[in-house]
Amino acid sequence: MKFRWSFIASIVLAAAAIVVWYLNGSGSYAGQLEYWVFGLALAALIPLAQAVNDITEALSPYLGKVSRGLIEATFSNIPEIAIGVFLLIKAHESASLLDTNFIIIRGLLIGSVINNVLLVLGSSVFFGALRNGRMRFDAGQAAGFASMLALAVVGLALPTLAAGFAKEHSAANEETASLVVSAILIITYIMYVGASTFGWGEKVRVSRKKAAKGEEKGAGEEEGEAEEETSKRLEAEQAEAEQSARESARRRELRREKQLALPLGFLALAFFTAVIAFMAYLIVGVTDEVIAQSALTPLSVGLILFPIVCNLGELIAAFRGSWANDMDAAMNVAAGSSVQVPLFVTPVLVLVSAILAGANAGNVLTLVFNPILLIVVGLVTFVYALVNLDGETTWLEGVQLLAFYLMIAVTAFVLPGR
């Protein structure tokens, strides 16, 4: 495994954040370095997320498709989950912070979707199209992302709409609805990962109707077509099986040659994941103080600041794809990350909150969002679907996406915390 810039930057920034955090907790600098802790820990998350991506990429030649897909799906949203979990822990430890931290968490969840669709995709489209001209991509695949994103938005919106229009409802009702919807979203996410990563349901079989027609005709033209189609399918399956066998043999040989590669890779993943979690702990520990002493609001921190840092790795990956005129790769990164947050990260945090709250009704993070956030994310989903209608994009569409994001950012920083 090559020693990359992300490893060095991660270690340096994380070490600096830990030193400043220690000084802020004791000695002559006690309570005076919250901004430094906040800024250094946030900055450290950027190379840390990239380091995890680099390690996953380096492990790819040693892993099968299923193992690789599981690792990528598991580690792609570690920063959001870590920050969200520590915010929940802090909120449940102090009742006075419950509402504020819930605002930040809900802003982070919605903001990650907005950030990926508007900032990540918009930047990729703008700079990629400036370099390569009009860029084309698979409209069918993009439409699939749009439908999954729409489903996720519906799942987030229904509890809010029900709570808003119901004449009588309790906190327990909101929590029950949120938990059930969260379970449905997680199941949908599993199906999505299975279809997009592991190819569930992709095997094509000959239609029974065609086969029956072929048997009735005996030796007609349709029977010949059915037999030819069957033969082609069998040849394709055999070729795929042979290719899979060759790749498995190559992986086994590679693992024999470099026996320490996988153990060291997983050890590195565990180490950097632990450092990400600790940086999230440092960030959350001073977030309330930073908000109280600055012009930041809970909404601006959750909706804009945290998502930019957490998704900078996706921005770099999508930019690389569009710069190389591979808009499909950029779409996969931006849209895939957008889908993962509402389908996986959001329900996970709801379930963690329910565990932390125990029997205390009213203290669970529910899916009852500020309506303006849902309206914005609904508009973002609609804009994403419009951009993907024709299977091609230009720099002007990138400008439009970025302009939309800037308007949201300005509004978030100007308006009060809710």
Protein backbone atom coordinates (compact mmCIF):
# COMPACT_ATOMS: atom_id res chain seq x y z
CA MET A 1 0.00 0.00 0.00
CA LYS A 2 1.44 3.32 -1.04
CA PHE A 3 1.92 6.02 1.58
CA ARG A 4 -0.27 8.86 0.29
CA TRP A 5 -0.61 12.52 1.12
CA SER A 6 -3.90 11.87 2.92
CA PHE A 7 -2.13 9.71 5.52
CA ILE A 8 0.44 12.39 6.37
CA ALA A 9 -2.12 15.22 6.42
CA SER A 10 -4.47 13.14 8.59
CA ILE A 11 -1.81 12.38 11.18
CA VAL A 12 -0.51 15.96 11.32
CA LEU A 13 -3.91 17.67 11.58
CA ALA A 14 -5.36 15.09 13.97
CA ALA A 15 -2.32 15.36 16.23
CA ALA A 16 -2.55 19.16 16.20
CA ALA A 17 -6.26 18.99 17.07
CA ILE A 18 -5.57 16.63 19.99
CA VAL A 19 -2.79 18.85 21.36
CA VAL A 20 -4.97 21.98 21.16
CA TRP A 21 -7.88 20.08 22.73
CA TYR A 22 -5.65 19.05 25.63
CA LEU A 23 -4.41 22.62 26.12
CA ASN A 24 -7.98 23.89 25.99
CA GLY A 25 -8.96 21.55 28.79
CA SER A 26 -6.27 22.49 31.27
CA GLY A 27 -3.50 24.95 31.99
CA SER A 28 -3.29 28.65 31.17
CA TYR A 29 -5.19 28.19 27.87
CA ALA A 30 -8.18 26.43 29.42
CA GLY A 31 -11.43 27.42 27.71
CA GLN A 32 -9.71 29.78 25.25
CA LEU A 33 -9.04 27.50 22.28
CA GLU A 34 -12.51 26.26 21.28
CA TYR A 35 -12.23 27.81 17.81
CA TRP A 36 -8.87 26.12 17.24
CA VAL A 37 -10.18 22.75 18.36
CA PHE A 38 -13.23 23.14 16.14
CA GLY A 39 -11.27 24.28 13.09
CA LEU A 40 -8.40 21.77 13.34
CA ALA A 41 -10.70 18.80 13.99
CA LEU A 42 -12.92 19.77 11.05
CA ALA A 43 -9.85 20.21 8.84
CA ALA A 44 -8.56 16.79 9.92
CA LEU A 45 -11.78 15.10 8.76
CA ILE A 46 -10.99 16.03 5.14
CA PRO A 47 -7.76 13.99 4.71
CA LEU A 48 -9.09 11.32 7.08
CA ALA A 49 -12.07 10.63 4.82
CA GLN A 50 -9.73 10.61 1.82
CA ALA A 51 -7.39 8.21 3.65
CA VAL A 52 -10.26 5.77 4.19
CA ASN A 53 -11.11 5.99 0.47
CA ASP A 54 -7.45 5.42 -0.45
CA ILE A 55 -7.22 2.35 1.77
CA THR A 56 -10.45 0.92 0.38
CA GLU A 57 -9.15 1.46 -3.15
CA ALA A 58 -5.83 -0.20 -2.27
CA LEU A 59 -7.66 -3.24 -0.86
CA SER A 60 -9.87 -3.65 -3.95
CA PRO A 61 -7.49 -6.03 -5.85
CA TYR A 62 -7.52 -8.42 -2.87
CA LEU A 63 -11.30 -8.50 -2.37
CA GLY A 64 -14.25 -9.92 -4.24
CA LYS A 65 -17.11 -7.82 -5.52
CA VAL A 66 -19.35 -8.51 -2.53
CA SER A 67 -16.65 -7.78 0.08
CA ARG A 68 -15.54 -4.64 -1.72
CA GLY A 69 -19.12 -3.39 -2.03
CA LEU A 70 -19.82 -3.98 1.66
CA ILE A 71 -16.69 -2.09 2.73
CA GLU A 72 -17.43 0.85 0.43
CA ALA A 73 -21.05 1.03 1.59
CA THR A 74 -20.02 0.80 5.25
CA PHE A 75 -17.25 3.40 5.32
CA SER A 76 -18.56 5.98 2.84
CA ASN A 77 -20.57 7.94 5.43
CA ILE A 78 -18.46 7.49 8.56
CA PRO A 79 -17.98 11.26 9.25
CA GLU A 80 -21.73 12.01 9.14
CA ILE A 81 -22.55 9.03 11.34
CA ALA A 82 -19.80 9.83 13.85
CA ILE A 83 -20.80 13.49 14.20
CA GLY A 84 -24.47 12.55 14.40
CA VAL A 85 -23.93 9.91 17.09
CA PHE A 86 -21.82 12.19 19.31
CA LEU A 87 -24.37 14.98 18.91
CA LEU A 88 -27.06 12.54 20.04
CA ILE A 89 -24.98 11.43 23.03
CA LYS A 90 -24.38 15.03 24.07
CA ALA A 91 -28.06 15.91 23.56
CA HIS A 92 -29.26 13.02 25.73
CA GLU A 93 -26.75 13.89 28.45
CA SER A 94 -28.03 17.47 28.70
CA ALA A 95 -31.72 18.23 28.18
CA SER A 96 -30.93 21.90 27.49
CA LEU A 97 -28.99 20.89 24.38
CA LEU A 98 -31.61 18.49 23.01
CA ASP A 99 -33.40 20.89 20.67
CA THR A 100 -30.24 22.63 19.46
CA ASN A 101 -28.40 19.40 18.69
CA PHE A 102 -31.46 17.94 16.97
CA ILE A 103 -31.54 21.04 14.74
CA ILE A 104 -27.88 20.48 13.84
CA ILE A 105 -28.42 16.77 13.14
CA ARG A 106 -31.47 17.33 10.95
CA GLY A 107 -29.61 20.09 9.14
CA LEU A 108 -26.65 17.72 8.59
CA LEU A 109 -28.91 15.04 7.12
CA ILE A 110 -30.71 17.39 4.74
CA GLY A 111 -27.55 19.38 4.06
CA SER A 112 -25.62 16.30 2.94
CA VAL A 113 -28.21 15.62 0.24
CA ILE A 114 -28.22 19.26 -0.84
CA ASN A 115 -24.43 19.42 -0.80
CA ASN A 116 -23.98 16.33 -2.96
CA VAL A 117 -26.60 17.25 -5.54
CA LEU A 118 -25.88 20.96 -5.83
CA LEU A 119 -22.28 21.65 -4.75
CA VAL A 120 -20.57 18.34 -5.63
CA LEU A 121 -22.48 17.69 -8.85
CA GLY A 122 -22.66 21.38 -9.80
CA SER A 123 -18.89 21.87 -9.43
CA SER A 124 -18.19 18.69 -11.37
CA VAL A 125 -20.51 19.64 -14.20
CA PHE A 126 -19.22 23.22 -14.40
CA PHE A 127 -15.49 22.52 -14.46
CA GLY A 128 -15.81 19.28 -16.41
CA ALA A 129 -17.92 20.87 -19.14
CA LEU A 130 -15.63 23.90 -19.35
CA ARG A 131 -12.78 21.51 -20.12
CA ASN A 132 -14.56 18.87 -22.20
CA GLY A 133 -17.58 20.65 -23.63
CA ARG A 134 -21.02 19.02 -23.57
CA MET A 135 -20.77 15.81 -21.52
CA ARG A 136 -23.00 12.76 -21.82
CA PHE A 137 -23.94 10.12 -19.28
CA ASP A 138 -26.28 7.17 -18.80
CA ALA A 139 -29.70 8.79 -18.40
CA GLY A 140 -31.26 5.50 -17.30
CA GLN A 141 -28.87 5.06 -14.40
CA ALA A 142 -29.29 8.71 -13.40
CA ALA A 143 -33.06 8.25 -13.49
CA GLY A 144 -32.66 5.31 -11.11
CA PHE A 145 -30.78 7.53 -8.66
CA ALA A 146 -33.51 10.18 -9.01
CA SER A 147 -36.26 7.67 -8.19
CA MET A 148 -34.39 6.40 -5.12
CA LEU A 149 -33.78 9.96 -3.96
CA ALA A 150 -37.46 10.80 -4.45
CA LEU A 151 -38.45 7.74 -2.41
CA ALA A 152 -36.10 8.82 0.38
CA VAL A 153 -37.53 12.35 0.41
CA VAL A 154 -41.05 10.93 0.61
CA GLY A 155 -39.98 8.80 3.57
CA LEU A 156 -38.57 11.88 5.32
CA ALA A 157 -41.60 14.02 4.50
CA LEU A 158 -44.46 11.73 5.52
CA PRO A 159 -43.95 11.90 9.32
CA THR A 160 -43.63 15.70 9.09
CA LEU A 161 -46.82 16.00 7.03
CA ALA A 162 -48.71 13.63 9.33
CA ALA A 163 -47.59 15.55 12.43
CA GLY A 164 -48.55 18.85 10.80
CA PHE A 165 -52.03 17.83 9.70
CA ALA A 166 -53.00 15.50 12.54
CA LYS A 167 -55.40 17.17 14.96
CA GLU A 168 -54.17 15.16 17.91
CA HIS A 169 -50.86 13.34 18.22
CA SER A 170 -48.26 12.74 20.88
CA ALA A 171 -44.49 12.55 20.93
CA ALA A 172 -44.82 8.79 21.22
CA ASN A 173 -46.81 8.72 17.95
CA GLU A 174 -44.08 10.72 16.19
CA GLU A 175 -41.41 8.38 17.50
CA THR A 176 -43.32 5.25 16.47
CA ALA A 177 -43.90 6.55 12.97
CA SER A 178 -40.26 7.61 12.65
CA LEU A 179 -38.95 4.23 13.82
CA VAL A 180 -41.18 2.29 11.43
CA VAL A 181 -40.31 4.54 8.47
CA SER A 182 -36.61 4.25 9.41
CA ALA A 183 -36.83 0.47 9.32
CA ILE A 184 -38.47 0.63 5.88
CA LEU A 185 -35.76 3.01 4.63
CA ILE A 186 -32.98 0.69 5.85
CA ILE A 187 -34.59 -2.31 4.14
CA THR A 188 -34.87 -0.25 0.95
CA TYR A 189 -31.22 0.71 1.28
CA ILE A 190 -30.22 -2.95 1.56
CA MET A 191 -32.16 -3.69 -1.62
CA TYR A 192 -30.53 -0.69 -3.30
CA VAL A 193 -27.02 -1.83 -2.35
CA GLY A 194 -27.84 -5.34 -3.50
CA ALA A 195 -29.05 -4.15 -6.89
CA SER A 196 -26.44 -1.44 -7.52
CA THR A 197 -23.36 -3.09 -6.02
CA PHE A 198 -23.97 -6.84 -6.11
CA GLY A 199 -26.12 -7.04 -9.24
CA TRP A 200 -29.15 -8.67 -7.64
CA GLY A 201 -31.78 -9.48 -10.28
CA GLU A 202 -29.56 -8.74 -13.26
CA LYS A 203 -29.58 -12.29 -14.68
CA VAL A 204 -31.71 -12.35 -17.83
CA ARG A 205 -33.72 -15.47 -18.58
CA VAL A 206 -35.52 -16.49 -21.73
CA SER A 207 -39.21 -15.65 -21.67
CA ARG A 208 -41.42 -18.68 -20.97
CA LYS A 209 -43.84 -17.36 -23.55
CA LYS A 210 -41.16 -17.40 -26.22
CA ALA A 211 -40.05 -20.88 -25.18
CA ALA A 212 -43.64 -22.14 -25.35
CA LYS A 213 -44.10 -20.61 -28.81
CA GLY A 214 -40.91 -22.28 -29.94
CA GLU A 215 -42.17 -25.69 -28.75
CA GLU A 216 -45.52 -25.23 -30.51
CA LYS A 217 -43.93 -24.20 -33.78
CA GLY A 218 -41.58 -27.17 -33.70
CA ALA A 219 -38.93 -26.09 -36.17
CA GLY A 220 -40.12 -22.61 -37.08
CA GLU A 221 -38.25 -19.36 -37.19
CA GLU A 222 -39.27 -18.37 -33.67
CA GLU A 223 -37.91 -21.65 -32.31
CA GLY A 224 -34.60 -20.88 -33.97
CA GLU A 225 -34.57 -17.41 -32.42
CA ALA A 226 -35.35 -18.87 -28.99
CA GLU A 227 -32.59 -21.42 -29.31
CA GLU A 228 -30.14 -18.75 -30.48
CA GLU A 229 -31.10 -16.51 -27.57
CA THR A 230 -30.69 -19.40 -25.14
CA SER A 231 -27.32 -20.26 -26.64
CA LYS A 232 -26.11 -16.67 -26.35
CA ARG A 233 -27.28 -16.49 -22.77
CA LEU A 234 -25.49 -19.69 -21.85
CA GLU A 235 -22.31 -18.50 -23.57
CA ALA A 236 -22.48 -15.19 -21.72
CA GLU A 237 -23.03 -16.94 -18.39
CA GLN A 238 -20.15 -19.31 -19.09
CA ALA A 239 -17.85 -16.43 -20.05
CA GLU A 240 -18.87 -14.56 -16.91
CA ALA A 241 -18.22 -17.64 -14.76
CA GLU A 242 -14.80 -18.13 -16.35
CA GLN A 243 -13.93 -14.48 -15.85
CA SER A 244 -15.04 -14.67 -12.22
CA ALA A 245 -12.93 -17.82 -11.71
CA ARG A 246 -9.88 -16.12 -13.22
CA GLU A 247 -10.35 -13.06 -11.00
CA SER A 248 -10.73 -15.27 -7.91
CA ALA A 249 -7.55 -17.16 -8.79
CA ARG A 250 -5.74 -13.86 -9.34
CA ARG A 251 -6.90 -12.57 -5.94
CA ARG A 252 -5.82 -15.78 -4.20
CA GLU A 253 -2.41 -15.58 -5.84
CA LEU A 254 -2.09 -11.93 -4.89
CA ARG A 255 -3.01 -12.69 -1.28
CA ARG A 256 -0.39 -15.46 -1.18
CA GLU A 257 2.27 -13.14 -2.54
CA LYS A 258 1.41 -10.32 -0.12
CA GLN A 259 0.06 -12.05 2.95
CA LEU A 260 0.18 -8.98 5.18
CA ALA A 261 -1.66 -6.67 2.75
CA LEU A 262 -5.20 -7.50 3.90
CA PRO A 263 -4.50 -7.58 7.67
CA LEU A 264 -2.56 -4.32 7.49
CA GLY A 265 -5.25 -2.75 5.29
CA PHE A 266 -8.05 -3.63 7.71
CA LEU A 267 -5.91 -2.48 10.63
CA ALA A 268 -5.38 0.85 8.86
CA LEU A 269 -9.13 1.13 8.20
CA ALA A 270 -9.87 0.52 11.88
CA PHE A 271 -7.23 3.07 12.94
CA PHE A 272 -8.41 5.86 10.65
CA THR A 273 -12.05 5.15 11.49
CA ALA A 274 -11.22 5.48 15.20
CA VAL A 275 -9.42 8.77 14.52
CA ILE A 276 -12.44 10.05 12.55
CA ALA A 277 -14.66 9.16 15.51
CA PHE A 278 -12.36 10.98 17.93
CA MET A 279 -12.25 14.08 15.70
CA ALA A 280 -16.05 14.02 15.64
CA TYR A 281 -16.00 13.82 19.44
CA LEU A 282 -13.73 16.89 19.61
CA ILE A 283 -15.92 18.82 17.16
CA VAL A 284 -19.14 18.08 18.99
CA GLY A 285 -17.53 18.92 22.33
CA VAL A 286 -17.03 22.58 21.36
CA THR A 287 -19.79 23.11 18.78
CA ASP A 288 -22.21 24.74 21.22
CA GLU A 289 -19.54 27.12 22.52
CA VAL A 290 -18.46 28.07 19.00
CA ILE A 291 -22.07 28.77 17.99
CA ALA A 292 -22.66 30.86 21.13
CA GLN A 293 -19.55 32.98 20.54
CA SER A 294 -19.85 33.51 16.78
CA ALA A 295 -22.26 34.45 14.01
CA LEU A 296 -22.89 30.78 13.28
CA THR A 297 -26.31 29.27 13.96
CA PRO A 298 -27.28 25.62 14.55
CA LEU A 299 -28.92 25.62 11.12
CA SER A 300 -25.89 27.00 9.28
CA VAL A 301 -23.53 24.59 11.06
CA GLY A 302 -25.69 21.56 10.32
CA LEU A 303 -26.95 22.48 6.86
CA ILE A 304 -23.80 24.01 5.35
CA LEU A 305 -20.59 23.72 7.37
CA PHE A 306 -20.63 20.06 8.43
CA PRO A 307 -21.82 18.70 5.04
CA ILE A 308 -19.11 20.60 3.14
CA VAL A 309 -16.39 19.05 5.29
CA CYS A 310 -17.93 15.56 5.43
CA ASN A 311 -18.49 15.41 1.67
CA LEU A 312 -15.26 16.97 0.44
CA GLY A 313 -13.97 13.51 -0.45
CA GLU A 314 -16.99 13.00 -2.73
CA LEU A 315 -16.34 16.42 -4.27
CA ILE A 316 -12.76 15.45 -5.15
CA ALA A 317 -13.80 12.06 -6.56
CA ALA A 318 -16.63 13.53 -8.65
CA PHE A 319 -14.38 16.32 -9.91
CA ARG A 320 -11.78 13.80 -11.04
CA GLY A 321 -14.43 11.89 -12.98
CA SER A 322 -15.87 14.92 -14.77
CA TRP A 323 -12.41 16.35 -15.48
CA ALA A 324 -11.56 13.08 -17.26
CA ASN A 325 -14.85 13.37 -19.22
CA ASP A 326 -16.36 10.47 -17.29
CA MET A 327 -19.63 12.04 -16.21
CA ASP A 328 -21.10 8.66 -15.28
CA ALA A 329 -18.45 8.32 -12.56
CA ALA A 330 -19.20 11.82 -11.26
CA MET A 331 -22.93 11.08 -11.24
CA ASN A 332 -22.36 7.81 -9.38
CA VAL A 333 -20.39 9.59 -6.65
CA ALA A 334 -22.71 12.59 -6.21
CA ALA A 335 -26.04 10.80 -6.56
CA GLY A 336 -24.91 7.65 -4.75
CA SER A 337 -23.84 9.64 -1.70
CA SER A 338 -27.07 11.64 -1.83
CA VAL A 339 -29.11 8.43 -1.70
CA GLN A 340 -27.09 6.86 1.11
CA VAL A 341 -27.69 9.68 3.59
CA PRO A 342 -31.53 9.57 3.74
CA LEU A 343 -31.77 5.80 3.20
CA PHE A 344 -29.02 4.71 5.61
CA VAL A 345 -27.48 7.45 7.77
CA THR A 346 -30.81 9.04 8.75
CA PRO A 347 -32.57 5.85 9.96
CA VAL A 348 -29.40 4.70 11.75
CA LEU A 349 -29.30 7.95 13.76
CA VAL A 350 -33.03 7.66 14.54
CA LEU A 351 -32.51 4.12 15.86
CA VAL A 352 -29.43 5.16 17.89
CA SER A 353 -31.41 8.04 19.38
CA ALA A 354 -34.20 5.65 20.39
CA ILE A 355 -31.68 3.41 22.14
CA LEU A 356 -30.13 6.37 23.99
CA ALA A 357 -33.51 7.79 25.00
CA GLY A 358 -34.79 4.51 26.40
CA ALA A 359 -38.27 4.98 27.84
CA ASN A 360 -38.16 8.79 27.72
CA ALA A 361 -40.81 9.69 25.15
CA GLY A 362 -40.13 12.99 23.44
CA ASN A 363 -36.35 12.64 23.56
CA VAL A 364 -35.97 10.62 20.35
CA LEU A 365 -34.69 12.14 17.12
CA THR A 366 -37.75 11.85 14.89
CA LEU A 367 -38.28 12.35 11.18
CA VAL A 368 -40.39 15.45 11.86
CA PHE A 369 -38.28 18.09 10.11
CA ASN A 370 -38.67 21.82 9.72
CA PRO A 371 -41.00 22.05 6.70
CA ILE A 372 -38.71 24.55 4.93
CA LEU A 373 -35.91 21.95 4.93
CA LEU A 374 -38.16 19.38 3.30
CA ILE A 375 -39.35 21.90 0.73
CA VAL A 376 -35.74 22.72 -0.16
CA VAL A 377 -34.66 19.08 -0.44
CA GLY A 378 -37.77 18.35 -2.50
CA LEU A 379 -36.84 21.16 -4.90
CA VAL A 380 -33.28 19.83 -5.04
CA THR A 381 -34.57 16.38 -5.99
CA PHE A 382 -36.78 17.92 -8.69
CA VAL A 383 -33.85 19.93 -10.08
CA TYR A 384 -31.66 16.81 -10.11
CA ALA A 385 -34.31 14.94 -12.10
CA LEU A 386 -34.56 17.82 -14.60
CA VAL A 387 -30.79 17.90 -15.13
CA ASN A 388 -30.79 14.18 -15.96
CA LEU A 389 -33.68 14.13 -18.43
CA ASP A 390 -31.66 14.24 -21.66
CA GLY A 391 -28.55 12.32 -20.59
CA GLU A 392 -26.20 15.23 -21.25
CA THR A 393 -25.07 18.33 -19.42
CA THR A 394 -23.29 21.64 -19.99
CA TRP A 395 -21.36 24.15 -17.91
CA LEU A 396 -24.48 26.34 -17.66
CA GLU A 397 -26.35 23.62 -15.78
CA GLY A 398 -23.40 23.47 -13.39
CA VAL A 399 -23.71 27.22 -12.81
CA GLN A 400 -27.43 26.83 -12.12
CA LEU A 401 -26.81 24.09 -9.54
CA LEU A 402 -24.11 26.15 -7.82
CA ALA A 403 -26.33 29.26 -7.81
CA PHE A 404 -29.09 27.26 -6.14
CA TYR A 405 -26.62 26.08 -3.48
CA LEU A 406 -25.31 29.60 -2.82
CA MET A 407 -28.85 30.88 -2.30
CA ILE A 408 -29.50 28.14 0.25
CA ALA A 409 -26.19 28.84 2.01
CA VAL A 410 -26.85 32.57 2.28
CA THR A 411 -30.32 31.93 3.66
CA ALA A 412 -29.01 29.45 6.22
CA PHE A 413 -26.38 31.87 7.53
CA VAL A 414 -28.73 34.85 7.68
CA LEU A 415 -31.84 33.27 9.23
CA PRO A 416 -32.10 32.28 12.92
CA GLY A 417 -31.05 28.87 14.14
CA ARG A 418 -34.31 27.12 13.31
